Amino acid sequence: MKLGSVCNLNKQSYSLSENWDFVNYLDTGNITENHIDEIQRIITATDKLPSRARRKVAVGDILYSTVRPNQRHYGIVKESLKNMLVSTGFAVITADKSQANNDYLYYYLTQDEIVDSLHAIGEQAVSAYPSIKPSDLANLEIDLPDLDTQCTIASTLSCLDAKIAVNNRINQNLEQTAQVAFEEFLVTQCKDEPMGVLSDIAEINPQRTLKKGTDAIYVEMANLPTKSSFPMDWTVRPISGGMKFTNGDTIMARITPCLENGKTAYINFLAEDEVAFGSTEYIVIAPKTSYCNEMFYFLARYPDFVSYAVGNMNGTSGRQRVSAESIGRYELNIPSVEYVCKFAEIATPIMETIRQNSLDNRHLVEMRDSLLPKLMSGEVRV
């Protein structure tokens, strides 16, 4: 049957006459595959409310971006904040619970086949970029088994997503613990240590090369995380040459928005493999002798360092960049071996646990994505 026969689209809208004191606003770019990067809190008396902040949402609603469907800016609302609005760039899908399970519809709409189909429709649009209309979603023909079967399928897939979410929360808590240790041992207790610059203790963009045709882990810069250490999406493939990264390197983005979001990665997700990135828009920080790898990852996320990097942006285009030379000139107290060892005792096992949780999540994602089309088609029964 058609999706529109078992759900409502864009059921509720916000009117300025309601005059909310504040709004919790989610834009399309701030959610990807149900992972939220940021919800903006807007005080209406002092801040300008975006003109697109109009869609009201409730728990169970599915958010599906109507722009460039293949970028997968979608999710399902599991917890609605007070005065929450989302962009009109979303289609908000509210299921008729007597006929359809919210989670089932969400998983159905996130299948590769469906995403590709919607993106193909979007590419026929007259706009400057691929976009779909809410009516394209409403007219989508879906397979809808009985409600009990929908619930069983959704429960199975939700269990995998719940475990992924638990691992992510554990990793976030572990990173916060290590960040506190960094600030204690390598900032506060080092304030009387001699001053120097970052290039005294680290190599900035070390000159290493990968031979053409080498099999390497390949990571797109867009897949660098903003909230965790390790990129989730990578492939192993022969590359055409370029800089070689090794375990323990810290990778940070050069472009203004990335730095403001603390967009960095710590290369330790697959031991003994060579790593390449799909962009030159990065800076590599590698430790010199006596300094542990982890300290540079947490330095790259330290507010004073991020402010310095943003303050040293330059360029004539709209997307300003920071240079490797500027990063190398960052001033800091040079920590003694004693303080570095104290920090490493805490940070090294933490980063190893995060690495293992990240690999577990990758396997869980692969399992979920392989089960999803088989469960939906009936090829596999729960």
Foldseek 3Di string as FASTA:
>chain_A
DFLLVFKDKLPFWDDCVVVDQKEFEAELVQAAPADGNGTDIGGVVPGPDDPQFIGDDDQLKKWQFQFQLVRRSIHGHHDDDPRYTYGPRTIIIGGNLVFAHSLLVNLQCPFPVNSVVSQVCQVPDPDPGRGDDVVVRRRDDADGDGHVQSVVVSVVLVVLVVLLVVLLVLQLVLVVVLLVLLCVLVNVVLPPFDKDFLLVWKDKQDDAKDAAQDWAKEAELVQQDLRGAARLDTDTGGHGMDHKDAQLKKKAFFWQVRLVSLRIHGPDLDHPGIHDYPDPRIMIIGGDPLAGSVSVSSVSNDVVLSVQSNVQWDDDDPTTTGDSVSNRGHMGRDGDSVSRVSSCVSNVVSVVSSSVSSVVSSVSVVVSSVVSVCSRVVVDGD
